[in-house]
Amino acid sequence: MNRLYIFIIRAVFGAGFAVLVTRIFYPKASLEQIIGLGIFLVGMAYLAEYFRNRRQD
């Protein structure tokens, strides 16, 4: 898969999970907090991929 497609998929899932998690556990979260959590989740996905690829090499 193209890296752009992977980024788009991760961004969509990150945004979806960020909205879901904040609405369940912190319903009064602002839009900035939700966006921040989404960025954090996508960043963690890339960090996990980095460590997974590093271990395989």
Protein backbone atom coordinates (compact mmCIF):
# COMPACT_ATOMS: atom_id res chain seq x y z
CA MET A 1 0.00 0.00 0.00
CA ASN A 2 1.03 3.55 -0.64
CA ARG A 3 2.22 5.50 2.43
CA LEU A 4 -0.40 8.16 1.78
CA TYR A 5 -3.22 5.60 1.97
CA ILE A 6 -1.80 4.23 5.21
CA PHE A 7 -1.68 7.74 6.67
CA ILE A 8 -5.27 8.45 5.62
CA ILE A 9 -6.51 5.20 7.15
CA ARG A 10 -4.63 5.89 10.40
CA ALA A 11 -5.91 9.46 10.52
CA VAL A 12 -9.52 8.37 10.02
CA PHE A 13 -9.29 5.66 12.66
CA GLY A 14 -7.40 7.98 15.01
CA ALA A 15 -10.07 10.65 14.68
CA GLY A 16 -12.85 8.13 15.16
CA PHE A 17 -11.31 6.58 18.26
CA ALA A 18 -10.45 10.01 19.68
CA VAL A 19 -14.07 11.13 19.40
CA LEU A 20 -15.35 7.84 20.81
CA VAL A 21 -12.97 7.79 23.78
CA THR A 22 -13.46 11.43 24.72
CA ARG A 23 -17.24 11.23 24.45
CA ILE A 24 -17.34 8.15 26.67
CA PHE A 25 -14.83 9.16 29.35
CA TYR A 26 -14.78 12.97 29.14
CA PRO A 27 -17.98 14.26 27.50
CA LYS A 28 -17.14 17.94 28.04
CA ALA A 29 -13.87 17.78 26.11
CA SER A 30 -13.22 20.63 23.73
CA LEU A 31 -12.51 20.23 20.04
CA GLU A 32 -8.83 21.02 20.61
CA GLN A 33 -8.52 18.18 23.11
CA ILE A 34 -10.15 15.73 20.72
CA ILE A 35 -7.84 16.79 17.90
CA GLY A 36 -4.84 16.49 20.23
CA LEU A 37 -5.84 12.97 21.21
CA GLY A 38 -6.28 12.04 17.56
CA ILE A 39 -2.80 13.33 16.71
CA PHE A 40 -1.41 11.43 19.69
CA LEU A 41 -3.06 8.19 18.56
CA VAL A 42 -1.75 8.50 15.00
CA GLY A 43 1.71 9.32 16.34
CA MET A 44 1.64 6.26 18.57
CA ALA A 45 0.69 4.11 15.57
CA TYR A 46 3.76 5.36 13.70
CA LEU A 47 5.94 4.85 16.78
CA ALA A 48 4.72 1.27 17.13
CA GLU A 49 5.42 0.65 13.44
CA TYR A 50 8.94 2.04 13.86
CA PHE A 51 9.72 -0.29 16.77
CA ARG A 52 8.16 -3.27 14.99
CA ASN A 53 10.26 -2.66 11.85
CA ARG A 54 13.38 -2.05 13.92
CA ARG A 55 13.01 -5.37 15.66
CA GLN A 56 12.52 -7.25 12.36
CA ASP A 57 15.73 -5.86 10.80
